[in-house]
Amino acid sequence: MPLLRLTKAAAVSAVMVAAALAVPLIADGEPLEDGSLPCHPTGAQSRYLVLFTEVTSPEGASHEMTLACGSTVAYYPEIAVGVATSGDPRFAERIGRDRAFSTEAVEAASGRHGRQAAPVTTGGGDDTAVDRSGEQWDMDLIKAGAAHAVSTGSKGVLVGVLDSGIDATHPDLAHAVDPSKSAGCVSGKADQSPQAWAPTTSVHGTHVAGIIAAADDGLGITGVAPGVRLASVKVVDDDGTVRPESVVCGLMWAAANGMAVANNSYFVDPWPLTCDRGEEHVVFEAVRRAADHATSRGVLTVAAASNEERDLASPSGQTAGPGGQWRTLDSSCRVLPAGLRGVVAVSAVGPDRVKAGYSAYGLGVIDVTAPGGEQSSGRCVLSTVPGGYAQVCGTSMAAPHVSGVAALLASTHPGASPQQLMRLLTSQATSIACPTDYDLDGTGGQDAYCSGYAPFNSFYGHGMVDALAAVTP
């Protein structure tokens, strides 16, 4: 697709933004314009997510962040969300703790960096000259092979992989990655330089990308929709942390660059479940605004339900926060972005079509299910990693199967809205009834309770996605 061209009004706006970003920081000890205490940088810079009212202009937002002893990194006027850095620990207090939040500051206070564990890999191999499609039980489960006899997807469909970066040199992915639509968002501001969106310490994004669109060339593996294009949108940093400002940037980039589908195989840090209250409201609201904006611009957002093994429909009890404080979970607490309205939430099943033990679930939360593998049986999902292939288990692997099927639907139904694509995904899914016995460890007790009925339940939502149905007019 052609690059978006700035209109005259947009060009003027860009000049105004540039002027606003040029406002210098107030020097240490210099009185502030509003008469409040002077800035006292400690030397340790933290990045903040900041909420504004919807009428706030770029220059107004930048001015306010400067007065609070911060420096503007990015401002998204479409959703009135800003990103700033500050070395003054009172930045959030100056802006208002109901409007500013820093994952970095929380992590620094707790001494923890990198909440989300690296993917577990088993088996694998690095021979890209061998056909390994026979090992792809997951593709058989969703009828991908049969679908490819009809269609492999359209080059006009772009899928954003919001993750840890894609190895665009991998033989199975070189045909699919579009550098002109790729960007690094780790800082909260899009950076299109190749090094900003390439993988560094994690294979996760490359693995996810292969599930979606690995080449159908008789070598290596084949993805669900090998005919579509991919955009690498890096939102996972080298510590494995997915900060909310990175996710906001990623979703806004997807919205601005014509992506039909955005895959999100993660939860937003610093909590597995983010509650819409207190300081957590800043994170919840910013990601919600970005996801809603992406939907309004034609992006279907697909997200992993997480590997927390919990019932997302009834969050309760207490959990330790990153700073060691106890948090009480309630109905306002959701996995982001999977728990947001308009986002396709995906659970995971193993080769036996039974919910994987690690997979989160929840009636009214899970929309569909897809193959994610089962670690206890050693049968995970084979896909691409830098330099070769590996098997990985998780809802992170289930989500890209759904994104691939959604990309096939977008190819079959060009111009379909996100709502229409979601309706097709769920209506074409193959129903899976609740298991009569969910005793995974053989102890005689139920490891989780499935509620609902075959067409819609807490384990599988509307059922298993169907690639063949997606390409059938």
Protein backbone atom coordinates (compact mmCIF):
# COMPACT_ATOMS: atom_id res chain seq x y z
CA MET A 1 0.00 0.00 0.00
CA PRO A 2 1.30 3.54 -0.71
CA LEU A 3 2.68 5.56 2.12
CA LEU A 4 0.28 8.02 3.66
CA ARG A 5 0.78 11.56 2.37
CA LEU A 6 0.43 14.58 4.60
CA THR A 7 -2.33 17.03 3.79
CA LYS A 8 -1.60 20.72 3.99
CA ALA A 9 -3.36 20.91 7.36
CA ALA A 10 -1.38 17.95 8.64
CA ALA A 11 1.84 19.56 7.49
CA VAL A 12 1.00 22.73 9.42
CA SER A 13 0.17 20.60 12.45
CA ALA A 14 3.54 18.87 12.13
CA VAL A 15 5.31 22.22 12.21
CA MET A 16 3.36 23.16 15.34
CA VAL A 17 4.33 19.87 16.98
CA ALA A 18 7.98 20.40 16.09
CA ALA A 19 7.87 23.87 17.62
CA ALA A 20 6.26 22.51 20.76
CA LEU A 21 8.85 19.79 21.12
CA ALA A 22 11.58 22.40 20.90
CA VAL A 23 10.55 23.95 24.25
CA PRO A 24 13.55 23.44 26.56
CA LEU A 25 13.41 21.87 29.98
CA ILE A 26 13.42 24.23 32.92
CA ALA A 27 16.82 24.26 34.55
CA ASP A 28 17.46 22.80 37.98
CA GLY A 29 16.44 25.30 40.65
CA GLU A 30 14.77 27.72 38.24
CA PRO A 31 11.32 28.93 39.43
CA LEU A 32 8.35 27.55 37.48
CA GLU A 33 5.86 29.76 35.68
CA ASP A 34 3.01 28.62 37.93
CA GLY A 35 4.95 29.48 41.08
CA SER A 36 5.41 25.87 42.19
CA LEU A 37 8.64 24.39 43.50
CA PRO A 38 11.61 24.41 41.10
CA CYS A 39 12.77 21.32 39.22
CA HIS A 40 15.27 19.09 40.98
CA PRO A 41 16.44 16.36 38.58
CA THR A 42 17.99 13.37 40.29
CA GLY A 43 19.85 12.29 37.18
CA ALA A 44 17.81 9.10 36.71
CA GLN A 45 15.40 9.62 33.83
CA SER A 46 12.01 7.87 33.89
CA ARG A 47 9.48 7.70 31.07
CA TYR A 48 5.85 8.61 31.78
CA LEU A 49 2.52 8.03 30.10
CA VAL A 50 0.31 11.12 30.45
CA LEU A 51 -3.44 11.58 29.90
CA PHE A 52 -4.89 14.85 28.61
CA THR A 53 -8.39 16.09 27.83
CA GLU A 54 -9.47 15.48 24.24
CA VAL A 55 -9.25 19.17 23.27
CA THR A 56 -5.58 19.51 24.28
CA SER A 57 -3.39 20.72 21.42
CA PRO A 58 0.15 19.37 20.83
CA GLU A 59 1.69 22.65 21.93
CA GLY A 60 -0.54 22.78 25.01
CA ALA A 61 0.38 19.25 26.03
CA SER A 62 4.08 19.88 25.52
CA HIS A 63 3.93 23.11 27.51
CA GLU A 64 2.19 21.38 30.42
CA MET A 65 4.72 18.55 30.50
CA THR A 66 7.57 21.06 30.38
CA LEU A 67 6.13 23.00 33.32
CA ALA A 68 5.97 19.74 35.27
CA CYS A 69 9.74 19.31 34.72
CA GLY A 70 9.40 16.87 31.86
CA SER A 71 10.50 16.63 28.25
CA THR A 72 8.03 15.59 25.54
CA VAL A 73 8.84 12.36 23.71
CA ALA A 74 5.57 12.05 21.76
CA TYR A 75 2.01 13.31 21.78
CA TYR A 76 -0.93 11.60 20.09
CA PRO A 77 -3.59 14.29 19.66
CA GLU A 78 -6.11 11.82 18.20
CA ILE A 79 -6.41 10.22 21.65
CA ALA A 80 -4.91 12.98 23.84
CA VAL A 81 -2.15 10.80 25.27
CA GLY A 82 1.42 11.96 25.73
CA VAL A 83 4.77 10.39 26.53
CA ALA A 84 7.39 12.31 28.50
CA THR A 85 10.69 11.76 30.27
CA SER A 86 11.73 13.42 33.49
CA GLY A 87 14.56 13.23 35.97
CA ASP A 88 12.45 14.90 38.65
CA PRO A 89 10.72 12.29 40.86
CA ARG A 90 7.87 14.76 41.43
CA PHE A 91 6.82 14.86 37.78
CA ALA A 92 3.75 12.67 38.34
CA GLU A 93 2.69 14.75 41.34
CA ARG A 94 2.97 17.96 39.32
CA ILE A 95 0.89 16.56 36.46
CA GLY A 96 -1.42 14.63 38.79
CA ARG A 97 -1.08 10.98 39.75
CA ASP A 98 -4.49 10.35 38.20
CA ARG A 99 -2.99 11.45 34.86
CA ALA A 100 0.66 10.31 34.81
CA PHE A 101 2.25 6.89 35.34
CA SER A 102 5.75 5.46 34.88
CA THR A 103 6.37 1.73 34.61
CA GLU A 104 10.09 2.48 34.78
CA ALA A 105 9.70 4.31 38.09
CA VAL A 106 7.66 1.43 39.55
CA GLU A 107 10.25 -1.11 38.43
CA ALA A 108 13.13 0.99 39.75
CA ALA A 109 11.46 1.24 43.15
CA SER A 110 10.98 -2.54 43.28
CA GLY A 111 14.39 -3.41 41.85
CA ARG A 112 12.72 -5.55 39.17
CA HIS A 113 13.26 -5.25 35.43
CA GLY A 114 11.50 -7.38 32.87
CA ARG A 115 8.31 -9.03 34.06
CA GLN A 116 7.39 -11.24 31.15
CA ALA A 117 9.47 -14.39 30.89
CA ALA A 118 11.22 -15.38 27.69
CA PRO A 119 9.31 -18.00 25.70
CA VAL A 120 10.00 -21.64 26.54
CA THR A 121 11.50 -23.43 23.56
CA THR A 122 11.74 -27.17 22.97
CA GLY A 123 13.16 -29.19 20.14
CA GLY A 124 13.52 -27.05 17.01
CA GLY A 125 16.34 -27.14 14.49
CA ASP A 126 17.91 -24.69 12.09
CA ASP A 127 17.81 -26.39 8.69
CA THR A 128 15.94 -23.94 6.46
CA ALA A 129 16.45 -26.20 3.42
CA VAL A 130 14.19 -28.97 4.74
CA ASP A 131 10.41 -29.15 4.48
CA ARG A 132 9.11 -29.25 8.07
CA SER A 133 5.44 -28.68 7.33
CA GLY A 134 4.73 -32.26 8.40
CA GLU A 135 5.46 -31.19 11.98
CA GLN A 136 2.80 -28.48 11.90
CA TRP A 137 -0.06 -30.23 13.67
CA ASP A 138 -1.35 -26.76 14.52
CA MET A 139 -2.03 -25.90 10.87
CA ASP A 140 -3.95 -29.14 10.41
CA LEU A 141 -6.12 -28.24 13.40
CA ILE A 142 -7.35 -25.01 11.76
CA LYS A 143 -7.46 -26.44 8.18
CA ALA A 144 -4.75 -24.12 6.90
CA GLY A 145 -3.46 -26.58 4.31
CA ALA A 146 -6.87 -26.93 2.72
CA ALA A 147 -7.27 -23.15 2.78
CA HIS A 148 -4.03 -22.64 0.85
CA ALA A 149 -5.42 -24.67 -2.05
CA VAL A 150 -7.97 -21.84 -2.40
CA SER A 151 -6.01 -18.77 -1.28
CA THR A 152 -2.86 -17.86 0.61
CA GLY A 153 -4.01 -14.30 1.23
CA SER A 154 -3.55 -10.98 -0.55
CA LYS A 155 -0.43 -8.78 -0.67
CA GLY A 156 -2.84 -5.91 -0.16
CA VAL A 157 -3.44 -7.07 3.41
CA LEU A 158 -0.95 -5.87 6.02
CA VAL A 159 -0.68 -7.51 9.45
CA GLY A 160 1.12 -5.72 12.24
CA VAL A 161 3.16 -7.90 14.60
CA LEU A 162 3.36 -5.86 17.79
CA ASP A 163 6.09 -7.81 19.52
CA SER A 164 9.87 -8.06 20.04
CA GLY A 165 10.82 -7.52 16.39
CA ILE A 166 10.95 -9.73 13.28
CA ASP A 167 14.06 -11.17 11.65
CA ALA A 168 13.42 -9.96 8.10
CA THR A 169 16.42 -11.94 6.80
CA HIS A 170 14.86 -15.31 7.66
CA PRO A 171 14.20 -17.22 4.40
CA ASP A 172 10.62 -17.91 5.44
CA LEU A 173 9.89 -14.25 6.22
CA ALA A 174 11.98 -12.16 3.82
CA HIS A 175 9.13 -12.11 1.29
CA ALA A 176 6.58 -10.84 3.80
CA VAL A 177 8.16 -8.13 5.96
CA ASP A 178 7.48 -4.59 4.71
CA PRO A 179 10.25 -2.29 6.03
CA SER A 180 8.32 0.82 4.94
CA LYS A 181 5.55 -0.05 7.41
CA SER A 182 7.76 -1.29 10.27
CA ALA A 183 8.82 0.73 13.30
CA GLY A 184 10.28 0.48 16.77
CA CYS A 185 7.98 1.80 19.50
CA VAL A 186 9.93 0.90 22.62
CA SER A 187 10.50 4.58 23.50
CA GLY A 188 6.84 5.47 23.01
CA LYS A 189 7.62 7.22 19.71
CA ALA A 190 7.83 5.45 16.35
CA ASP A 191 11.31 4.99 14.90
CA GLN A 192 11.50 3.52 11.38
CA SER A 193 15.22 2.77 11.37
CA PRO A 194 15.77 -0.97 10.74
CA GLN A 195 17.68 -1.42 13.99
CA ALA A 196 14.68 -0.07 15.92
CA TRP A 197 12.30 -2.82 14.77
CA ALA A 198 14.73 -5.74 14.42
CA PRO A 199 14.91 -8.38 17.18
CA THR A 200 17.74 -8.17 19.68
CA THR A 201 17.40 -10.44 22.73
CA SER A 202 14.11 -12.24 22.01
CA VAL A 203 12.98 -14.76 19.38
CA HIS A 204 9.33 -14.18 20.30
CA GLY A 205 8.32 -11.76 17.53
CA THR A 206 9.97 -13.81 14.79
CA HIS A 207 8.19 -16.94 16.04
CA VAL A 208 4.83 -15.15 16.01
CA ALA A 209 5.50 -13.77 12.52
CA GLY A 210 6.18 -17.23 11.10
CA ILE A 211 2.87 -18.57 12.37
CA ILE A 212 1.09 -15.78 10.50
CA ALA A 213 2.91 -15.63 7.18
CA ALA A 214 5.90 -17.98 6.73
CA ALA A 215 6.39 -18.71 3.02
CA ASP A 216 4.56 -21.55 1.29
CA ASP A 217 7.61 -22.65 -0.71
CA GLY A 218 8.07 -26.31 0.22
CA LEU A 219 10.89 -25.48 2.64
CA GLY A 220 10.85 -24.82 6.36
CA ILE A 221 7.34 -24.15 7.61
CA THR A 222 4.24 -22.48 6.18
CA GLY A 223 2.18 -19.80 7.91
CA VAL A 224 -1.59 -19.42 8.05
CA ALA A 225 -1.61 -16.63 5.46
CA PRO A 226 1.69 -16.78 3.53
CA GLY A 227 0.46 -14.37 0.88
CA VAL A 228 -0.02 -11.33 3.14
CA ARG A 229 2.50 -8.71 4.24
CA LEU A 230 3.86 -8.17 7.75
CA ALA A 231 4.93 -5.04 9.62
CA SER A 232 7.37 -5.44 12.48
CA VAL A 233 6.23 -3.10 15.27
CA LYS A 234 8.57 -3.52 18.22
CA VAL A 235 6.90 -2.96 21.60
CA VAL A 236 8.85 -5.43 23.76
CA ASP A 237 12.14 -4.12 25.15
CA ASP A 238 15.34 -6.07 25.75
CA ASP A 239 14.28 -6.90 29.33
CA GLY A 240 11.05 -8.49 28.08
CA THR A 241 8.96 -5.61 29.41
CA VAL A 242 5.93 -4.33 27.49
CA ARG A 243 5.41 -0.79 28.70
CA PRO A 244 2.05 0.89 28.09
CA GLU A 245 3.55 3.81 26.17
CA SER A 246 5.11 1.31 23.73
CA VAL A 247 1.74 -0.34 23.20
CA VAL A 248 0.04 3.01 22.65
CA CYS A 249 2.69 3.87 20.07
CA GLY A 250 2.28 0.48 18.38
CA LEU A 251 -1.48 0.68 18.10
CA MET A 252 -1.31 4.26 16.84
CA TRP A 253 1.29 3.21 14.25
CA ALA A 254 -0.97 0.37 13.11
CA ALA A 255 -3.87 2.81 12.78
CA ALA A 256 -1.82 5.31 10.77
CA ASN A 257 -0.35 2.77 8.38
CA GLY A 258 -3.34 0.90 7.03
CA MET A 259 -2.96 -2.37 8.90
CA ALA A 260 -5.94 -4.71 8.61
CA VAL A 261 -4.93 -6.76 11.65
CA ALA A 262 -2.68 -6.10 14.65
CA ASN A 263 -1.41 -9.12 16.61
CA ASN A 264 -0.64 -8.61 20.30
CA SER A 265 0.94 -11.66 21.96
CA TYR A 266 1.60 -10.13 25.39
CA PHE A 267 0.00 -8.38 28.35
CA VAL A 268 0.76 -4.78 29.21
CA ASP A 269 3.15 -4.34 32.14
CA PRO A 270 3.59 -3.83 35.03
CA TRP A 271 0.60 -6.01 36.05
CA PRO A 272 -0.82 -9.17 34.45
CA LEU A 273 -4.24 -7.62 35.07
CA THR A 274 -4.61 -3.83 35.00
CA CYS A 275 -7.43 -2.32 37.07
CA ASP A 276 -9.39 0.72 35.97
CA ARG A 277 -8.79 2.64 39.20
CA GLY A 278 -6.17 4.77 40.95
CA GLU A 279 -2.83 5.14 39.20
CA GLU A 280 -3.60 2.04 37.14
CA HIS A 281 -6.40 3.99 35.44
CA VAL A 282 -3.75 5.92 33.50
CA VAL A 283 -2.49 2.72 31.88
CA PHE A 284 -5.97 1.28 31.37
CA GLU A 285 -7.38 4.45 29.81
CA ALA A 286 -4.42 5.16 27.53
CA VAL A 287 -4.39 1.64 26.07
CA ARG A 288 -8.18 1.67 25.75
CA ARG A 289 -8.08 4.95 23.82
CA ALA A 290 -5.37 3.63 21.50
CA ALA A 291 -7.21 0.35 20.85
CA ASP A 292 -10.47 2.17 20.17
CA HIS A 293 -8.70 4.53 17.78
CA ALA A 294 -7.11 1.62 15.93
CA THR A 295 -10.54 0.02 15.52
CA SER A 296 -11.97 3.29 14.20
CA ARG A 297 -9.20 3.35 11.59
CA GLY A 298 -9.97 -0.16 10.32
CA VAL A 299 -7.60 -2.27 12.43
CA LEU A 300 -8.80 -5.55 13.94
CA THR A 301 -6.85 -6.02 17.17
CA VAL A 302 -6.15 -9.64 18.15
CA ALA A 303 -4.63 -10.42 21.55
CA ALA A 304 -3.46 -13.38 23.62
CA ALA A 305 -5.51 -14.07 26.73
CA SER A 306 -2.25 -14.61 28.72
CA ASN A 307 -0.73 -17.67 30.36
CA GLU A 308 -2.00 -16.83 33.83
CA GLU A 309 -4.27 -19.91 34.13
CA ARG A 310 -6.97 -17.70 35.66
CA ASP A 311 -10.65 -17.04 35.06
CA LEU A 312 -10.58 -13.57 33.52
CA ALA A 313 -14.35 -13.17 33.90
CA SER A 314 -14.15 -13.20 37.70
CA PRO A 315 -10.89 -11.63 38.88
CA SER A 316 -10.69 -11.74 42.67
CA GLY A 317 -8.30 -12.15 45.56
CA GLN A 318 -5.04 -10.36 46.11
CA THR A 319 -1.88 -10.24 44.07
CA ALA A 320 1.49 -8.66 44.75
CA GLY A 321 2.31 -5.61 42.64
CA PRO A 322 5.79 -4.95 41.20
CA GLY A 323 6.63 -2.76 44.21
CA GLY A 324 5.65 -5.49 46.67
CA GLN A 325 2.37 -3.85 47.66
CA TRP A 326 -0.78 -5.96 47.66
CA ARG A 327 -3.47 -5.29 45.10
CA THR A 328 -7.05 -6.51 45.45
CA LEU A 329 -8.52 -7.63 42.13
CA ASP A 330 -12.09 -6.77 41.17
CA SER A 331 -14.32 -6.62 38.09
CA SER A 332 -12.46 -3.57 36.75
CA CYS A 333 -9.24 -5.58 36.36
CA ARG A 334 -8.48 -6.92 32.88
CA VAL A 335 -5.65 -8.30 30.82
CA LEU A 336 -4.62 -5.55 28.40
CA PRO A 337 -5.26 -5.41 25.55
CA ALA A 338 -7.15 -8.74 25.38
CA GLY A 339 -9.77 -7.69 27.93
CA LEU A 340 -10.86 -4.56 26.07
CA ARG A 341 -14.09 -4.31 24.12
CA GLY A 342 -13.57 -4.73 20.38
CA VAL A 343 -10.38 -6.77 20.82
CA VAL A 344 -10.39 -10.46 19.83
CA ALA A 345 -9.27 -12.39 22.94
CA VAL A 346 -7.69 -15.78 22.21
CA SER A 347 -7.25 -18.85 24.44
CA ALA A 348 -4.95 -21.76 23.62
CA VAL A 349 -5.49 -25.48 23.05
CA GLY A 350 -3.11 -28.39 22.66
CA PRO A 351 -3.10 -31.03 19.89
CA ASP A 352 -6.07 -32.75 21.59
CA ARG A 353 -8.22 -29.61 21.18
CA VAL A 354 -8.46 -29.25 24.97
CA LYS A 355 -7.63 -25.95 26.70
CA ALA A 356 -3.93 -25.83 27.53
CA GLY A 357 -3.28 -25.86 31.26
CA TYR A 358 -1.53 -22.48 31.21
CA SER A 359 -4.20 -20.69 29.17
CA ALA A 360 -6.38 -18.04 30.81
CA TYR A 361 -10.10 -18.35 30.15
CA GLY A 362 -13.37 -16.61 30.99
CA LEU A 363 -17.00 -16.59 29.87
CA GLY A 364 -17.66 -13.44 27.86
CA VAL A 365 -13.94 -12.66 27.68
CA ILE A 366 -12.59 -15.35 25.33
CA ASP A 367 -13.83 -14.88 21.76
CA VAL A 368 -12.13 -17.78 19.97
CA THR A 369 -9.44 -20.40 20.53
CA ALA A 370 -6.48 -21.63 18.48
CA PRO A 371 -3.46 -23.95 18.77
CA GLY A 372 -0.91 -22.89 21.38
CA GLY A 373 0.54 -26.25 22.33
CA GLU A 374 0.71 -28.11 25.62
CA GLN A 375 3.98 -28.02 27.53
CA SER A 376 3.14 -31.06 29.67
CA SER A 377 2.99 -33.23 26.56
CA GLY A 378 6.01 -31.60 24.94
CA ARG A 379 4.03 -30.68 21.84
CA CYS A 380 4.43 -26.99 21.21
CA VAL A 381 4.10 -24.92 18.02
CA LEU A 382 6.94 -25.03 15.49
CA SER A 383 7.78 -21.70 13.86
CA THR A 384 10.58 -19.43 12.76
CA VAL A 385 13.25 -17.95 15.03
CA PRO A 386 16.36 -16.02 13.99
CA GLY A 387 18.65 -18.56 12.35
CA GLY A 388 16.13 -21.38 12.10
CA TYR A 389 13.13 -22.87 13.89
CA ALA A 390 11.95 -23.73 17.39
CA GLN A 391 8.89 -24.97 19.22
CA VAL A 392 7.17 -22.61 21.66
CA CYS A 393 4.00 -23.02 23.73
CA GLY A 394 1.63 -20.26 24.85
CA THR A 395 -1.39 -18.13 24.10
CA SER A 396 1.26 -16.02 22.34
CA MET A 397 1.25 -18.75 19.69
CA ALA A 398 -2.54 -19.10 19.60
CA ALA A 399 -3.14 -15.41 18.84
CA PRO A 400 -1.16 -15.33 15.54
CA HIS A 401 -3.15 -18.30 14.25
CA VAL A 402 -6.23 -16.13 14.71
CA SER A 403 -4.50 -13.11 13.15
CA GLY A 404 -3.59 -15.27 10.15
CA VAL A 405 -7.19 -16.42 9.72
CA ALA A 406 -8.35 -12.80 10.09
CA ALA A 407 -5.86 -11.82 7.35
CA LEU A 408 -7.36 -14.49 5.08
CA LEU A 409 -10.81 -13.08 5.84
CA ALA A 410 -9.60 -9.56 5.02
CA SER A 411 -8.25 -10.91 1.73
CA THR A 412 -11.53 -12.66 0.89
CA HIS A 413 -13.63 -9.68 2.00
CA PRO A 414 -11.68 -6.55 1.02
CA GLY A 415 -12.99 -3.45 2.73
CA ALA A 416 -14.55 -5.37 5.63
CA SER A 417 -14.59 -3.43 8.90
CA PRO A 418 -12.99 -4.77 12.09
CA GLN A 419 -16.48 -5.48 13.41
CA GLN A 420 -17.36 -7.46 10.28
CA LEU A 421 -14.10 -9.43 10.45
CA MET A 422 -14.74 -10.27 14.09
CA ARG A 423 -18.26 -11.40 13.28
CA LEU A 424 -16.93 -13.66 10.52
CA LEU A 425 -14.23 -15.07 12.79
CA THR A 426 -16.68 -16.00 15.51
CA SER A 427 -19.52 -17.21 13.25
CA GLN A 428 -17.21 -19.46 11.23
CA ALA A 429 -15.43 -20.92 14.26
CA THR A 430 -15.93 -24.62 14.99
CA SER A 431 -17.68 -25.08 18.33
CA ILE A 432 -15.91 -27.05 21.06
CA ALA A 433 -17.93 -28.25 24.02
CA CYS A 434 -16.70 -27.94 27.59
CA PRO A 435 -14.66 -31.00 28.60
CA THR A 436 -16.50 -33.38 30.91
CA ASP A 437 -13.33 -33.93 32.91
CA TYR A 438 -10.56 -31.31 33.16
CA ASP A 439 -8.12 -33.13 35.44
CA LEU A 440 -4.80 -32.40 33.73
CA ASP A 441 -2.54 -33.71 36.50
CA GLY A 442 -4.52 -36.87 37.23
CA THR A 443 -5.09 -36.04 40.89
CA GLY A 444 -8.86 -36.45 40.73
CA GLY A 445 -9.62 -32.74 41.05
CA GLN A 446 -10.68 -30.28 38.37
CA ASP A 447 -7.91 -27.89 37.37
CA ALA A 448 -10.40 -25.32 36.06
CA TYR A 449 -14.14 -25.14 35.50
CA CYS A 450 -15.62 -24.55 32.06
CA SER A 451 -18.96 -22.73 31.93
CA GLY A 452 -21.36 -22.15 29.06
CA TYR A 453 -22.41 -24.45 26.23
CA ALA A 454 -20.79 -25.74 23.04
CA PRO A 455 -21.43 -22.70 20.81
CA PHE A 456 -20.04 -20.31 23.44
CA ASN A 457 -18.16 -21.10 26.63
CA SER A 458 -15.45 -19.87 28.95
CA PHE A 459 -12.67 -22.13 27.61
CA TYR A 460 -13.07 -21.70 23.85
CA GLY A 461 -15.40 -18.77 23.26
CA HIS A 462 -17.14 -19.38 19.94
CA GLY A 463 -14.71 -22.18 19.11
CA MET A 464 -11.68 -23.01 16.96
CA VAL A 465 -10.92 -20.60 14.10
CA ASP A 466 -11.32 -22.07 10.62
CA ALA A 467 -8.90 -21.05 7.86
CA LEU A 468 -10.76 -22.93 5.13
CA ALA A 469 -14.04 -21.19 5.94
CA ALA A 470 -12.18 -17.87 5.81
CA VAL A 471 -11.25 -18.29 2.15
CA THR A 472 -14.60 -19.71 1.06
CA PRO A 473 -16.64 -16.92 -0.58
